[in-house]
């Protein structure tokens, strides 16, 4: 299916979504996984698009389940990364505190620098995990949107898919 600004307007898309679509795809766009991913990364609502162009209830249910599953996977990955970061920071902080107490409460600039660098590494790893999980979520949503729209198009054309 080829989506254009005019198709979105005719389907009742809000002005903001139409303008964002036009900014990203000025000449329209074929519905592909890659284009769906680009749309999601620019905050275009593919959920609305699917609901506007897919009228097959089984396809909408499949789409909704795929998005829900992707959301749960993202949420679990996020929580695991967050817990790992929290655990590492807690252990590191305790180790640093113990080191300072062993030194008679004196802060060592070298120990503090090592502490800060390690903290930074933990937070950077957390952010990388979070970004990777979000990218996986967006890709799963893009695939689900593509499948729903292309299968609906096949149904409209009478082509089994």
C-alpha atoms as a PDB file:
ATOM      1  CA  UNK A   1       0.000   0.000   0.000  1.00  0.00           C
ATOM      2  CA  UNK A   2       1.226   3.451  -0.852  1.00  0.00           C
ATOM      3  CA  UNK A   3       0.387   6.142   1.715  1.00  0.00           C
ATOM      4  CA  UNK A   4       0.219   9.802   0.778  1.00  0.00           C
ATOM      5  CA  UNK A   5      -0.594  13.023   2.563  1.00  0.00           C
ATOM      6  CA  UNK A   6      -3.931  13.088   0.721  1.00  0.00           C
ATOM      7  CA  UNK A   7      -4.800   9.532   1.850  1.00  0.00           C
ATOM      8  CA  UNK A   8      -4.081  10.488   5.444  1.00  0.00           C
ATOM      9  CA  UNK A   9      -6.218  13.613   5.142  1.00  0.00           C
ATOM     10  CA  UNK A  10      -9.081  11.639   3.592  1.00  0.00           C
ATOM     11  CA  UNK A  11      -8.839   9.062   6.407  1.00  0.00           C
ATOM     12  CA  UNK A  12      -9.120  11.813   9.026  1.00  0.00           C
ATOM     13  CA  UNK A  13      -5.539  11.996  10.305  1.00  0.00           C
ATOM     14  CA  UNK A  14      -4.917  14.992  12.518  1.00  0.00           C
ATOM     15  CA  UNK A  15      -2.966  17.940  11.036  1.00  0.00           C
ATOM     16  CA  UNK A  16       0.076  17.302  13.221  1.00  0.00           C
ATOM     17  CA  UNK A  17       0.414  13.696  12.052  1.00  0.00           C
ATOM     18  CA  UNK A  18      -0.163  14.712   8.409  1.00  0.00           C
ATOM     19  CA  UNK A  19       2.538  17.386   8.605  1.00  0.00           C
ATOM     20  CA  UNK A  20       4.993  15.045  10.297  1.00  0.00           C
ATOM     21  CA  UNK A  21       4.275  12.474   7.592  1.00  0.00           C
ATOM     22  CA  UNK A  22       4.779  15.072   4.852  1.00  0.00           C
ATOM     23  CA  UNK A  23       8.044  16.228   6.449  1.00  0.00           C
ATOM     24  CA  UNK A  24       9.376  12.651   6.552  1.00  0.00           C
ATOM     25  CA  UNK A  25       7.806  11.416   3.289  1.00  0.00           C
ATOM     26  CA  UNK A  26       7.039  14.438   1.054  1.00  0.00           C
ATOM     27  CA  UNK A  27       6.135  12.256  -1.952  1.00  0.00           C
ATOM     28  CA  UNK A  28       4.344   9.570   0.044  1.00  0.00           C
ATOM     29  CA  UNK A  29       5.695   6.194   1.024  1.00  0.00           C
ATOM     30  CA  UNK A  30       5.178   2.534   0.386  1.00  0.00           C
ATOM     31  CA  UNK A  31       4.305   0.673   3.563  1.00  0.00           C
ATOM     32  CA  UNK A  32       7.470  -1.310   4.320  1.00  0.00           C
ATOM     33  CA  UNK A  33       9.045  -2.347   7.602  1.00  0.00           C
ATOM     34  CA  UNK A  34      11.818   0.221   7.021  1.00  0.00           C
ATOM     35  CA  UNK A  35       9.367   3.054   6.341  1.00  0.00           C
ATOM     36  CA  UNK A  36       7.257   2.055   9.345  1.00  0.00           C
ATOM     37  CA  UNK A  37      10.409   2.178  11.464  1.00  0.00           C
ATOM     38  CA  UNK A  38      11.264   5.649  10.105  1.00  0.00           C
ATOM     39  CA  UNK A  39       7.730   6.786  10.876  1.00  0.00           C
ATOM     40  CA  UNK A  40       7.883   5.491  14.443  1.00  0.00           C
ATOM     41  CA  UNK A  41      11.220   7.188  15.028  1.00  0.00           C
ATOM     42  CA  UNK A  42       9.655  10.518  14.045  1.00  0.00           C
ATOM     43  CA  UNK A  43       6.705   9.985  16.414  1.00  0.00           C
ATOM     44  CA  UNK A  44       4.162   9.153  13.743  1.00  0.00           C
ATOM     45  CA  UNK A  45       1.282   7.070  15.068  1.00  0.00           C
ATOM     46  CA  UNK A  46       1.262   3.746  13.284  1.00  0.00           C
ATOM     47  CA  UNK A  47      -1.461   2.541  15.621  1.00  0.00           C
ATOM     48  CA  UNK A  48      -3.758   5.156  14.164  1.00  0.00           C
ATOM     49  CA  UNK A  49      -2.669   4.254  10.635  1.00  0.00           C
ATOM     50  CA  UNK A  50      -3.445   0.581  11.177  1.00  0.00           C
ATOM     51  CA  UNK A  51      -6.824   1.371  12.722  1.00  0.00           C
ATOM     52  CA  UNK A  52      -7.658   3.688   9.817  1.00  0.00           C
ATOM     53  CA  UNK A  53      -6.669   1.324   7.008  1.00  0.00           C
ATOM     54  CA  UNK A  54      -7.252  -2.138   8.475  1.00  0.00           C
ATOM     55  CA  UNK A  55     -10.864  -3.212   8.902  1.00  0.00           C
ATOM     56  CA  UNK A  56     -10.330  -6.943   9.404  1.00  0.00           C
ATOM     57  CA  UNK A  57     -10.963  -7.738  13.060  1.00  0.00           C
ATOM     58  CA  UNK A  58      -8.590 -10.754  13.115  1.00  0.00           C
ATOM     59  CA  UNK A  59      -5.798  -8.599  11.658  1.00  0.00           C
ATOM     60  CA  UNK A  60      -6.422  -5.884  14.249  1.00  0.00           C
ATOM     61  CA  UNK A  61      -6.320  -8.465  17.041  1.00  0.00           C
ATOM     62  CA  UNK A  62      -3.072  -9.941  15.694  1.00  0.00           C
ATOM     63  CA  UNK A  63      -1.593  -6.443  15.406  1.00  0.00           C
ATOM     64  CA  UNK A  64      -2.649  -5.529  18.933  1.00  0.00           C
ATOM     65  CA  UNK A  65      -1.221  -8.746  20.372  1.00  0.00           C
ATOM     66  CA  UNK A  66       2.090  -8.240  18.571  1.00  0.00           C
ATOM     67  CA  UNK A  67       2.406  -4.694  19.942  1.00  0.00           C
ATOM     68  CA  UNK A  68       1.459  -5.816  23.441  1.00  0.00           C
ATOM     69  CA  UNK A  69       4.004  -8.636  23.320  1.00  0.00           C
ATOM     70  CA  UNK A  70       6.684  -6.216  22.079  1.00  0.00           C
ATOM     71  CA  UNK A  71       5.830  -3.786  24.882  1.00  0.00           C
ATOM     72  CA  UNK A  72       6.117  -6.518  27.530  1.00  0.00           C
ATOM     73  CA  UNK A  73       9.485  -7.644  26.145  1.00  0.00           C
ATOM     74  CA  UNK A  74      10.725  -4.035  26.159  1.00  0.00           C
ATOM     75  CA  UNK A  75       9.479  -3.455  29.696  1.00  0.00           C
ATOM     76  CA  UNK A  76      11.156  -6.615  31.007  1.00  0.00           C
ATOM     77  CA  UNK A  77      14.445  -5.743  29.269  1.00  0.00           C
ATOM     78  CA  UNK A  78      14.269  -2.234  30.727  1.00  0.00           C
ATOM     79  CA  UNK A  79      13.549  -3.485  34.249  1.00  0.00           C
ATOM     80  CA  UNK A  80      16.340  -6.065  34.085  1.00  0.00           C
ATOM     81  CA  UNK A  81      18.839  -3.433  32.908  1.00  0.00           C
ATOM     82  CA  UNK A  82      17.637  -1.013  35.584  1.00  0.00           C
ATOM     83  CA  UNK A  83      17.962  -3.632  38.331  1.00  0.00           C
ATOM     84  CA  UNK A  84      21.452  -4.622  37.153  1.00  0.00           C
ATOM     85  CA  UNK A  85      22.525  -0.980  37.197  1.00  0.00           C
ATOM     86  CA  UNK A  86      21.018  -0.424  40.634  1.00  0.00           C
ATOM     87  CA  UNK A  87      22.693  -3.544  42.040  1.00  0.00           C
ATOM     88  CA  UNK A  88      26.084  -2.593  40.559  1.00  0.00           C
ATOM     89  CA  UNK A  89      25.870   0.976  41.844  1.00  0.00           C
ATOM     90  CA  UNK A  90      24.899  -0.226  45.319  1.00  0.00           C
ATOM     91  CA  UNK A  91      27.809  -2.671  45.469  1.00  0.00           C
ATOM     92  CA  UNK A  92      30.227  -0.095  44.133  1.00  0.00           C
ATOM     93  CA  UNK A  93      29.031   2.546  46.603  1.00  0.00           C
ATOM     94  CA  UNK A  94      29.394   0.134  49.511  1.00  0.00           C
ATOM     95  CA  UNK A  95      32.902  -0.821  48.381  1.00  0.00           C
ATOM     96  CA  UNK A  96      33.867   2.857  48.045  1.00  0.00           C
ATOM     97  CA  UNK A  97      32.375   3.661  51.475  1.00  0.00           C
ATOM     98  CA  UNK A  98      34.259   0.745  53.055  1.00  0.00           C
ATOM     99  CA  UNK A  99      37.489   1.901  51.415  1.00  0.00           C
ATOM    100  CA  UNK A 100      37.000   5.431  52.759  1.00  0.00           C
ATOM    101  CA  UNK A 101      36.230   4.106  56.250  1.00  0.00           C
ATOM    102  CA  UNK A 102      39.348   1.893  56.196  1.00  0.00           C
ATOM    103  CA  UNK A 103      41.357   4.984  55.345  1.00  0.00           C
ATOM    104  CA  UNK A 104      40.066   6.667  58.513  1.00  0.00           C
ATOM    105  CA  UNK A 105      37.326   8.599  56.731  1.00  0.00           C
ATOM    106  CA  UNK A 106      39.771  10.224  54.338  1.00  0.00           C
ATOM    107  CA  UNK A 107      38.704  10.586  50.730  1.00  0.00           C
ATOM    108  CA  UNK A 108      41.350   9.518  48.278  1.00  0.00           C
ATOM    109  CA  UNK A 109      41.226  11.503  45.004  1.00  0.00           C
ATOM    110  CA  UNK A 110      42.350   8.400  43.085  1.00  0.00           C
ATOM    111  CA  UNK A 111      39.655   6.228  44.689  1.00  0.00           C
ATOM    112  CA  UNK A 112      37.014   8.877  44.069  1.00  0.00           C
ATOM    113  CA  UNK A 113      38.026   9.169  40.414  1.00  0.00           C
ATOM    114  CA  UNK A 114      37.904   5.387  40.010  1.00  0.00           C
ATOM    115  CA  UNK A 115      34.481   5.382  41.694  1.00  0.00           C
ATOM    116  CA  UNK A 116      33.141   8.068  39.370  1.00  0.00           C
ATOM    117  CA  UNK A 117      34.520   6.365  36.249  1.00  0.00           C
ATOM    118  CA  UNK A 118      32.996   3.037  37.218  1.00  0.00           C
ATOM    119  CA  UNK A 119      29.665   4.714  38.001  1.00  0.00           C
ATOM    120  CA  UNK A 120      29.740   6.316  34.575  1.00  0.00           C
ATOM    121  CA  UNK A 121      30.394   2.923  32.940  1.00  0.00           C
ATOM    122  CA  UNK A 122      27.406   1.402  34.768  1.00  0.00           C
ATOM    123  CA  UNK A 123      25.095   4.200  33.680  1.00  0.00           C
ATOM    124  CA  UNK A 124      26.369   4.108  30.104  1.00  0.00           C
ATOM    125  CA  UNK A 125      25.753   0.348  29.958  1.00  0.00           C
ATOM    126  CA  UNK A 126      22.240   0.906  31.341  1.00  0.00           C
ATOM    127  CA  UNK A 127      21.493   3.544  28.711  1.00  0.00           C
ATOM    128  CA  UNK A 128      22.844   1.302  25.925  1.00  0.00           C
ATOM    129  CA  UNK A 129      20.651  -1.584  27.098  1.00  0.00           C
ATOM    130  CA  UNK A 130      17.650   0.729  27.290  1.00  0.00           C
ATOM    131  CA  UNK A 131      18.248   2.077  23.778  1.00  0.00           C
ATOM    132  CA  UNK A 132      18.750  -1.421  22.325  1.00  0.00           C
ATOM    133  CA  UNK A 133      15.537  -2.638  23.964  1.00  0.00           C
ATOM    134  CA  UNK A 134      13.628   0.395  22.642  1.00  0.00           C
ATOM    135  CA  UNK A 135      14.972  -0.189  19.123  1.00  0.00           C
ATOM    136  CA  UNK A 136      13.799  -3.816  19.341  1.00  0.00           C
ATOM    137  CA  UNK A 137      10.371  -2.594  20.458  1.00  0.00           C
ATOM    138  CA  UNK A 138      10.122  -0.117  17.584  1.00  0.00           C
ATOM    139  CA  UNK A 139      11.176  -2.767  15.075  1.00  0.00           C
ATOM    140  CA  UNK A 140       8.544  -5.205  16.381  1.00  0.00           C
ATOM    141  CA  UNK A 141       5.888  -2.473  16.108  1.00  0.00           C
ATOM    142  CA  UNK A 142       7.024  -1.610  12.585  1.00  0.00           C
ATOM    143  CA  UNK A 143       6.804  -5.274  11.562  1.00  0.00           C
ATOM    144  CA  UNK A 144       3.341  -5.621  13.117  1.00  0.00           C
ATOM    145  CA  UNK A 145       2.114  -2.480  11.327  1.00  0.00           C
ATOM    146  CA  UNK A 146       3.545  -3.631   8.004  1.00  0.00           C
ATOM    147  CA  UNK A 147       1.975  -7.077   8.351  1.00  0.00           C
ATOM    148  CA  UNK A 148      -1.454  -5.706   9.261  1.00  0.00           C
ATOM    149  CA  UNK A 149      -1.573  -3.154   6.439  1.00  0.00           C
ATOM    150  CA  UNK A 150      -0.182  -5.455   3.732  1.00  0.00           C
ATOM    151  CA  UNK A 151      -2.451  -8.332   4.742  1.00  0.00           C
ATOM    152  CA  UNK A 152      -5.452  -5.990   4.664  1.00  0.00           C
ATOM    153  CA  UNK A 153      -4.387  -4.813   1.222  1.00  0.00           C
ATOM    154  CA  UNK A 154      -4.175  -8.443   0.084  1.00  0.00           C
ATOM    155  CA  UNK A 155      -7.670  -9.069   1.455  1.00  0.00           C
ATOM    156  CA  UNK A 156      -8.980  -6.009  -0.377  1.00  0.00           C
ATOM    157  CA  UNK A 157      -7.467  -7.269  -3.619  1.00  0.00           C
ATOM    158  CA  UNK A 158      -8.721 -10.821  -3.016  1.00  0.00           C
ATOM    159  CA  UNK A 159      -5.181 -12.183  -2.938  1.00  0.00           C
ATOM    160  CA  UNK A 160      -4.565 -14.891  -0.323  1.00  0.00           C
ATOM    161  CA  UNK A 161      -1.582 -14.108   1.870  1.00  0.00           C
END
